[in-house]
Amino acid sequence: MLLYKIATTLALVITGAWAINMPGYDSISAAVIALAAFIYVFFVERKEPPSGQSQNVDGGGAGIQAGRDANNARINKKN
């Protein structure tokens, strides 16, 4: 994460200087994109993905947690 913070800060400083020295569509759009990346890296809260899998199935339902070779034709639907 530290690498992302350093890279986005550096990109914001460089594109900001470019936009000030040579204002134009390309330099200003690069500075705006660098600002958006900077805001995302520093201010958007990251949520950790839940570990493991869980599944809730109501009565009468068939719960399937499948990988890549799933085949629902072999499900025993009778209780």
PDB file of N, CA and C in Angstrom:
ATOM      1  N   MET A   1       0.819  -1.188   0.000  1.00  0.00           N
ATOM      2  CA  MET A   1       0.000   0.000   0.000  1.00  0.00           C
ATOM      3  C   MET A   1       0.869   1.261   0.000  1.00  0.00           C
ATOM      4  N   LEU A   2       1.994   1.162   0.666  1.00  0.00           N
ATOM      5  CA  LEU A   2       2.895   2.309   0.697  1.00  0.00           C
ATOM      6  C   LEU A   2       3.385   2.652  -0.706  1.00  0.00           C
ATOM      7  N   LEU A   3       3.631   1.632  -1.519  1.00  0.00           N
ATOM      8  CA  LEU A   3       4.082   1.864  -2.886  1.00  0.00           C
ATOM      9  C   LEU A   3       3.029   2.626  -3.690  1.00  0.00           C
ATOM     10  N   TYR A   4       1.749   2.257  -3.516  1.00  0.00           N
ATOM     11  CA  TYR A   4       0.673   2.966  -4.210  1.00  0.00           C
ATOM     12  C   TYR A   4       0.593   4.427  -3.775  1.00  0.00           C
ATOM     13  N   LYS A   5       0.768   4.667  -2.489  1.00  0.00           N
ATOM     14  CA  LYS A   5       0.711   6.045  -1.977  1.00  0.00           C
ATOM     15  C   LYS A   5       1.858   6.881  -2.528  1.00  0.00           C
ATOM     16  N   ILE A   6       3.034   6.300  -2.566  1.00  0.00           N
ATOM     17  CA  ILE A   6       4.194   7.036  -3.106  1.00  0.00           C
ATOM     18  C   ILE A   6       4.005   7.296  -4.591  1.00  0.00           C
ATOM     19  N   ALA A   7       3.549   6.282  -5.335  1.00  0.00           N
ATOM     20  CA  ALA A   7       3.387   6.431  -6.783  1.00  0.00           C
ATOM     21  C   ALA A   7       2.309   7.455  -7.131  1.00  0.00           C
ATOM     22  N   THR A   8       1.185   7.441  -6.420  1.00  0.00           N
ATOM     23  CA  THR A   8       0.130   8.404  -6.745  1.00  0.00           C
ATOM     24  C   THR A   8       0.515   9.817  -6.326  1.00  0.00           C
ATOM     25  N   THR A   9       1.241   9.956  -5.242  1.00  0.00           N
ATOM     26  CA  THR A   9       1.708  11.286  -4.841  1.00  0.00           C
ATOM     27  C   THR A   9       2.687  11.836  -5.875  1.00  0.00           C
ATOM     28  N   LEU A  10       3.598  10.994  -6.313  1.00  0.00           N
ATOM     29  CA  LEU A  10       4.557  11.406  -7.332  1.00  0.00           C
ATOM     30  C   LEU A  10       3.855  11.754  -8.648  1.00  0.00           C
ATOM     31  N   ALA A  11       2.886  10.945  -9.031  1.00  0.00           N
ATOM     32  CA  ALA A  11       2.141  11.219 -10.269  1.00  0.00           C
ATOM     33  C   ALA A  11       1.365  12.525 -10.163  1.00  0.00           C
ATOM     34  N   LEU A  12       0.785  12.789  -8.997  1.00  0.00           N
ATOM     35  CA  LEU A  12       0.039  14.041  -8.816  1.00  0.00           C
ATOM     36  C   LEU A  12       0.962  15.253  -8.895  1.00  0.00           C
ATOM     37  N   VAL A  13       2.119  15.162  -8.295  1.00  0.00           N
ATOM     38  CA  VAL A  13       3.067  16.281  -8.331  1.00  0.00           C
ATOM     39  C   VAL A  13       3.566  16.508  -9.758  1.00  0.00           C
ATOM     40  N   ILE A  14       3.931  15.449 -10.453  1.00  0.00           N
ATOM     41  CA  ILE A  14       4.459  15.597 -11.815  1.00  0.00           C
ATOM     42  C   ILE A  14       3.398  16.118 -12.773  1.00  0.00           C
ATOM     43  N   THR A  15       2.203  15.532 -12.725  1.00  0.00           N
ATOM     44  CA  THR A  15       1.155  16.004 -13.648  1.00  0.00           C
ATOM     45  C   THR A  15       0.665  17.400 -13.284  1.00  0.00           C
ATOM     46  N   GLY A  16       0.697  17.732 -11.985  1.00  0.00           N
ATOM     47  CA  GLY A  16       0.340  19.101 -11.584  1.00  0.00           C
ATOM     48  C   GLY A  16       1.328  20.113 -12.133  1.00  0.00           C
ATOM     49  N   ALA A  17       2.610  19.788 -12.051  1.00  0.00           N
ATOM     50  CA  ALA A  17       3.631  20.686 -12.610  1.00  0.00           C
ATOM     51  C   ALA A  17       3.506  20.783 -14.121  1.00  0.00           C
ATOM     52  N   TRP A  18       3.184  19.678 -14.759  1.00  0.00           N
ATOM     53  CA  TRP A  18       3.000  19.676 -16.213  1.00  0.00           C
ATOM     54  C   TRP A  18       1.801  20.539 -16.609  1.00  0.00           C
ATOM     55  N   ALA A  19       0.714  20.428 -15.850  1.00  0.00           N
ATOM     56  CA  ALA A  19      -0.481  21.215 -16.157  1.00  0.00           C
ATOM     57  C   ALA A  19      -0.244  22.705 -15.937  1.00  0.00           C
ATOM     58  N   ILE A  20       0.591  23.055 -14.969  1.00  0.00           N
ATOM     59  CA  ILE A  20       0.881  24.477 -14.719  1.00  0.00           C
ATOM     60  C   ILE A  20       1.811  25.030 -15.793  1.00  0.00           C
ATOM     61  N   ASN A  21       2.840  24.262 -16.162  1.00  0.00           N
ATOM     62  CA  ASN A  21       3.812  24.728 -17.156  1.00  0.00           C
ATOM     63  C   ASN A  21       3.253  24.750 -18.568  1.00  0.00           C
ATOM     64  N   MET A  22       2.508  23.721 -18.947  1.00  0.00           N
ATOM     65  CA  MET A  22       1.983  23.619 -20.300  1.00  0.00           C
ATOM     66  C   MET A  22       0.495  23.287 -20.243  1.00  0.00           C
ATOM     67  N   PRO A  23      -0.339  24.283 -19.930  1.00  0.00           N
ATOM     68  CA  PRO A  23      -1.770  23.980 -19.832  1.00  0.00           C
ATOM     69  C   PRO A  23      -2.344  23.567 -21.183  1.00  0.00           C
ATOM     70  N   GLY A  24      -3.057  22.496 -21.161  1.00  0.00           N
ATOM     71  CA  GLY A  24      -3.682  21.964 -22.357  1.00  0.00           C
ATOM     72  C   GLY A  24      -4.580  20.817 -21.953  1.00  0.00           C
ATOM     73  N   TYR A  25      -5.307  20.295 -22.918  1.00  0.00           N
ATOM     74  CA  TYR A  25      -6.260  19.227 -22.617  1.00  0.00           C
ATOM     75  C   TYR A  25      -5.564  18.006 -22.036  1.00  0.00           C
ATOM     76  N   ASP A  26      -4.461  17.592 -22.635  1.00  0.00           N
ATOM     77  CA  ASP A  26      -3.795  16.373 -22.177  1.00  0.00           C
ATOM     78  C   ASP A  26      -3.176  16.526 -20.798  1.00  0.00           C
ATOM     79  N   SER A  27      -2.536  17.649 -20.525  1.00  0.00           N
ATOM     80  CA  SER A  27      -1.893  17.819 -19.220  1.00  0.00           C
ATOM     81  C   SER A  27      -2.918  17.984 -18.099  1.00  0.00           C
ATOM     82  N   ILE A  28      -3.988  18.709 -18.372  1.00  0.00           N
ATOM     83  CA  ILE A  28      -5.011  18.921 -17.343  1.00  0.00           C
ATOM     84  C   ILE A  28      -5.782  17.627 -17.081  1.00  0.00           C
ATOM     85  N   SER A  29      -6.094  16.874 -18.134  1.00  0.00           N
ATOM     86  CA  SER A  29      -6.800  15.610 -17.913  1.00  0.00           C
ATOM     87  C   SER A  29      -5.920  14.616 -17.161  1.00  0.00           C
ATOM     88  N   ALA A  30      -4.632  14.609 -17.425  1.00  0.00           N
ATOM     89  CA  ALA A  30      -3.724  13.739 -16.680  1.00  0.00           C
ATOM     90  C   ALA A  30      -3.664  14.143 -15.210  1.00  0.00           C
ATOM     91  N   ALA A  31      -3.673  15.436 -14.945  1.00  0.00           N
ATOM     92  CA  ALA A  31      -3.653  15.916 -13.561  1.00  0.00           C
ATOM     93  C   ALA A  31      -4.946  15.568 -12.834  1.00  0.00           C
ATOM     94  N   VAL A  32      -6.077  15.652 -13.517  1.00  0.00           N
ATOM     95  CA  VAL A  32      -7.359  15.293 -12.894  1.00  0.00           C
ATOM     96  C   VAL A  32      -7.408  13.800 -12.590  1.00  0.00           C
ATOM     97  N   ILE A  33      -6.921  12.977 -13.496  1.00  0.00           N
ATOM     98  CA  ILE A  33      -6.892  11.534 -13.272  1.00  0.00           C
ATOM     99  C   ILE A  33      -5.930  11.191 -12.127  1.00  0.00           C
ATOM    100  N   ALA A  34      -4.796  11.856 -12.066  1.00  0.00           N
ATOM    101  CA  ALA A  34      -3.854  11.628 -10.966  1.00  0.00           C
ATOM    102  C   ALA A  34      -4.461  12.063  -9.631  1.00  0.00           C
ATOM    103  N   LEU A  35      -5.232  13.143  -9.645  1.00  0.00           N
ATOM    104  CA  LEU A  35      -5.910  13.594  -8.429  1.00  0.00           C
ATOM    105  C   LEU A  35      -6.944  12.565  -7.978  1.00  0.00           C
ATOM    106  N   ALA A  36      -7.682  12.007  -8.932  1.00  0.00           N
ATOM    107  CA  ALA A  36      -8.665  10.974  -8.595  1.00  0.00           C
ATOM    108  C   ALA A  36      -7.987   9.747  -7.998  1.00  0.00           C
ATOM    109  N   ALA A  37      -6.869   9.331  -8.557  1.00  0.00           N
ATOM    110  CA  ALA A  37      -6.132   8.187  -8.021  1.00  0.00           C
ATOM    111  C   ALA A  37      -5.591   8.491  -6.628  1.00  0.00           C
ATOM    112  N   PHE A  38      -5.110   9.713  -6.438  1.00  0.00           N
ATOM    113  CA  PHE A  38      -4.602  10.134  -5.129  1.00  0.00           C
ATOM    114  C   PHE A  38      -5.708  10.094  -4.078  1.00  0.00           C
ATOM    115  N   ILE A  39      -6.874  10.615  -4.418  1.00  0.00           N
ATOM    116  CA  ILE A  39      -8.010  10.613  -3.483  1.00  0.00           C
ATOM    117  C   ILE A  39      -8.419   9.187  -3.160  1.00  0.00           C
ATOM    118  N   TYR A  40      -8.454   8.335  -4.167  1.00  0.00           N
ATOM    119  CA  TYR A  40      -8.848   6.942  -3.938  1.00  0.00           C
ATOM    120  C   TYR A  40      -7.872   6.234  -3.006  1.00  0.00           C
ATOM    121  N   VAL A  41      -6.587   6.392  -3.237  1.00  0.00           N
ATOM    122  CA  VAL A  41      -5.591   5.671  -2.441  1.00  0.00           C
ATOM    123  C   VAL A  41      -5.562   6.168  -0.998  1.00  0.00           C
ATOM    124  N   PHE A  42      -5.730   7.468  -0.796  1.00  0.00           N
ATOM    125  CA  PHE A  42      -5.591   8.003   0.553  1.00  0.00           C
ATOM    126  C   PHE A  42      -6.899   8.068   1.339  1.00  0.00           C
ATOM    127  N   PHE A  43      -8.032   8.187   0.673  1.00  0.00           N
ATOM    128  CA  PHE A  43      -9.252   8.480   1.412  1.00  0.00           C
ATOM    129  C   PHE A  43     -10.368   7.449   1.301  1.00  0.00           C
ATOM    130  N   VAL A  44     -10.300   6.516   0.398  1.00  0.00           N
ATOM    131  CA  VAL A  44     -11.353   5.517   0.271  1.00  0.00           C
ATOM    132  C   VAL A  44     -11.005   4.348   1.180  1.00  0.00           C
ATOM    133  N   GLU A  45     -11.967   3.978   2.021  1.00  0.00           N
ATOM    134  CA  GLU A  45     -11.736   2.897   2.976  1.00  0.00           C
ATOM    135  C   GLU A  45     -11.858   1.548   2.281  1.00  0.00           C
ATOM    136  N   ARG A  46     -10.886   0.704   2.526  1.00  0.00           N
ATOM    137  CA  ARG A  46     -10.904  -0.628   1.934  1.00  0.00           C
ATOM    138  C   ARG A  46     -11.502  -1.614   2.922  1.00  0.00           C
ATOM    139  N   LYS A  47     -12.380  -2.452   2.421  1.00  0.00           N
ATOM    140  CA  LYS A  47     -12.985  -3.483   3.249  1.00  0.00           C
ATOM    141  C   LYS A  47     -12.314  -4.811   2.930  1.00  0.00           C
ATOM    142  N   GLU A  48     -11.996  -5.545   3.966  1.00  0.00           N
ATOM    143  CA  GLU A  48     -11.395  -6.867   3.780  1.00  0.00           C
ATOM    144  C   GLU A  48     -12.472  -7.838   3.308  1.00  0.00           C
ATOM    145  N   PRO A  49     -12.164  -8.650   2.325  1.00  0.00           N
ATOM    146  CA  PRO A  49     -13.146  -9.646   1.888  1.00  0.00           C
ATOM    147  C   PRO A  49     -13.366 -10.680   2.978  1.00  0.00           C
ATOM    148  N   PRO A  50     -14.583 -11.180   3.111  1.00  0.00           N
ATOM    149  CA  PRO A  50     -14.831 -12.189   4.138  1.00  0.00           C
ATOM    150  C   PRO A  50     -14.045 -13.464   3.838  1.00  0.00           C
ATOM    151  N   SER A  51     -13.545 -14.075   4.875  1.00  0.00           N
ATOM    152  CA  SER A  51     -12.775 -15.301   4.669  1.00  0.00           C
ATOM    153  C   SER A  51     -13.705 -16.498   4.715  1.00  0.00           C
ATOM    154  N   GLY A  52     -13.440 -17.457   3.866  1.00  0.00           N
ATOM    155  CA  GLY A  52     -14.263 -18.653   3.814  1.00  0.00           C
ATOM    156  C   GLY A  52     -15.551 -18.419   3.045  1.00  0.00           C
ATOM    157  N   GLN A  53     -16.333 -19.467   2.933  1.00  0.00           N
ATOM    158  CA  GLN A  53     -17.608 -19.382   2.239  1.00  0.00           C
ATOM    159  C   GLN A  53     -18.724 -19.731   3.199  1.00  0.00           C
ATOM    160  N   SER A  54     -19.869 -19.134   2.996  1.00  0.00           N
ATOM    161  CA  SER A  54     -21.041 -19.493   3.776  1.00  0.00           C
ATOM    162  C   SER A  54     -22.256 -19.402   2.871  1.00  0.00           C
ATOM    163  N   GLN A  55     -23.276 -20.158   3.233  1.00  0.00           N
ATOM    164  CA  GLN A  55     -24.479 -20.186   2.405  1.00  0.00           C
ATOM    165  C   GLN A  55     -25.678 -20.501   3.286  1.00  0.00           C
ATOM    166  N   ASN A  56     -26.771 -19.772   3.089  1.00  0.00           N
ATOM    167  CA  ASN A  56     -28.024 -20.032   3.791  1.00  0.00           C
ATOM    168  C   ASN A  56     -29.058 -20.460   2.768  1.00  0.00           C
ATOM    169  N   VAL A  57     -29.719 -21.597   3.039  1.00  0.00           N
ATOM    170  CA  VAL A  57     -30.715 -22.126   2.119  1.00  0.00           C
ATOM    171  C   VAL A  57     -32.023 -22.290   2.882  1.00  0.00           C
ATOM    172  N   ASP A  58     -33.105 -21.741   2.341  1.00  0.00           N
ATOM    173  CA  ASP A  58     -34.417 -21.897   2.962  1.00  0.00           C
ATOM    174  C   ASP A  58     -34.921 -23.316   2.760  1.00  0.00           C
ATOM    175  N   GLY A  59     -35.957 -23.686   3.523  1.00  0.00           N
ATOM    176  CA  GLY A  59     -36.536 -25.010   3.412  1.00  0.00           C
ATOM    177  C   GLY A  59     -37.069 -25.271   2.013  1.00  0.00           C
ATOM    178  N   GLY A  60     -36.829 -26.456   1.496  1.00  0.00           N
ATOM    179  CA  GLY A  60     -37.271 -26.818   0.161  1.00  0.00           C
ATOM    180  C   GLY A  60     -36.344 -26.376  -0.944  1.00  0.00           C
ATOM    181  N   GLY A  61     -35.271 -25.674  -0.605  1.00  0.00           N
ATOM    182  CA  GLY A  61     -34.332 -25.207  -1.628  1.00  0.00           C
ATOM    183  C   GLY A  61     -33.153 -26.149  -1.746  1.00  0.00           C
ATOM    184  N   ALA A  62     -32.419 -26.001  -2.813  1.00  0.00           N
ATOM    185  CA  ALA A  62     -31.206 -26.786  -3.022  1.00  0.00           C
ATOM    186  C   ALA A  62     -30.038 -25.816  -3.073  1.00  0.00           C
ATOM    187  N   GLY A  63     -29.151 -25.902  -2.092  1.00  0.00           N
ATOM    188  CA  GLY A  63     -28.002 -25.009  -2.038  1.00  0.00           C
ATOM    189  C   GLY A  63     -26.823 -25.613  -2.763  1.00  0.00           C
ATOM    190  N   ILE A  64     -26.235 -24.847  -3.662  1.00  0.00           N
ATOM    191  CA  ILE A  64     -25.104 -25.348  -4.441  1.00  0.00           C
ATOM    192  C   ILE A  64     -23.964 -24.353  -4.303  1.00  0.00           C
ATOM    193  N   GLN A  65     -22.838 -24.814  -3.806  1.00  0.00           N
ATOM    194  CA  GLN A  65     -21.612 -24.033  -3.857  1.00  0.00           C
ATOM    195  C   GLN A  65     -20.689 -24.797  -4.786  1.00  0.00           C
ATOM    196  N   ALA A  66     -20.496 -24.261  -5.945  1.00  0.00           N
ATOM    197  CA  ALA A  66     -19.815 -25.026  -6.980  1.00  0.00           C
ATOM    198  C   ALA A  66     -18.549 -24.328  -7.433  1.00  0.00           C
ATOM    199  N   GLY A  67     -17.653 -25.129  -7.879  1.00  0.00           N
ATOM    200  CA  GLY A  67     -16.442 -24.628  -8.508  1.00  0.00           C
ATOM    201  C   GLY A  67     -16.639 -24.578 -10.008  1.00  0.00           C
ATOM    202  N   ARG A  68     -15.621 -24.924 -10.741  1.00  0.00           N
ATOM    203  CA  ARG A  68     -15.691 -24.784 -12.191  1.00  0.00           C
ATOM    204  C   ARG A  68     -16.368 -25.947 -12.896  1.00  0.00           C
ATOM    205  N   ASP A  69     -16.536 -27.089 -12.243  1.00  0.00           N
ATOM    206  CA  ASP A  69     -17.141 -28.238 -12.912  1.00  0.00           C
ATOM    207  C   ASP A  69     -18.515 -28.573 -12.314  1.00  0.00           C
ATOM    208  N   ALA A  70     -19.329 -27.570 -12.109  1.00  0.00           N
ATOM    209  CA  ALA A  70     -20.642 -27.763 -11.510  1.00  0.00           C
ATOM    210  C   ALA A  70     -21.605 -28.387 -12.518  1.00  0.00           C
ATOM    211  N   ASN A  71     -22.437 -29.312 -12.007  1.00  0.00           N
ATOM    212  CA  ASN A  71     -23.457 -29.935 -12.847  1.00  0.00           C
ATOM    213  C   ASN A  71     -24.685 -30.109 -11.964  1.00  0.00           C
ATOM    214  N   ASN A  72     -25.710 -29.311 -12.230  1.00  0.00           N
ATOM    215  CA  ASN A  72     -26.895 -29.374 -11.379  1.00  0.00           C
ATOM    216  C   ASN A  72     -27.847 -30.499 -11.769  1.00  0.00           C
ATOM    217  N   ALA A  73     -27.510 -31.336 -12.735  1.00  0.00           N
ATOM    218  CA  ALA A  73     -28.357 -32.455 -13.110  1.00  0.00           C
ATOM    219  C   ALA A  73     -28.252 -33.592 -12.092  1.00  0.00           C
ATOM    220  N   ARG A  74     -27.197 -33.595 -11.281  1.00  0.00           N
ATOM    221  CA  ARG A  74     -26.990 -34.670 -10.320  1.00  0.00           C
ATOM    222  C   ARG A  74     -27.445 -34.312  -8.909  1.00  0.00           C
ATOM    223  N   ILE A  75     -28.243 -33.285  -8.753  1.00  0.00           N
ATOM    224  CA  ILE A  75     -28.709 -32.871  -7.434  1.00  0.00           C
ATOM    225  C   ILE A  75     -29.861 -33.755  -7.003  1.00  0.00           C
ATOM    226  N   ASN A  76     -29.798 -34.265  -5.779  1.00  0.00           N
ATOM    227  CA  ASN A  76     -30.882 -35.050  -5.220  1.00  0.00           C
ATOM    228  C   ASN A  76     -31.880 -34.086  -4.598  1.00  0.00           C
ATOM    229  N   LYS A  77     -32.992 -33.845  -5.259  1.00  0.00           N
ATOM    230  CA  LYS A  77     -33.964 -32.851  -4.812  1.00  0.00           C
ATOM    231  C   LYS A  77     -34.983 -33.427  -3.856  1.00  0.00           C
ATOM    232  N   LYS A  78     -34.941 -34.708  -3.599  1.00  0.00           N
ATOM    233  CA  LYS A  78     -35.877 -35.338  -2.667  1.00  0.00           C
ATOM    234  C   LYS A  78     -35.266 -35.354  -1.274  1.00  0.00           C
ATOM    235  N   ASN A  79     -36.060 -35.066  -0.275  1.00  0.00           N
ATOM    236  CA  ASN A  79     -35.565 -35.068   1.097  1.00  0.00           C
ATOM    237  C   ASN A  79     -35.933 -36.335   1.803  1.00  0.00           C
TER     238      ASN A  79
END
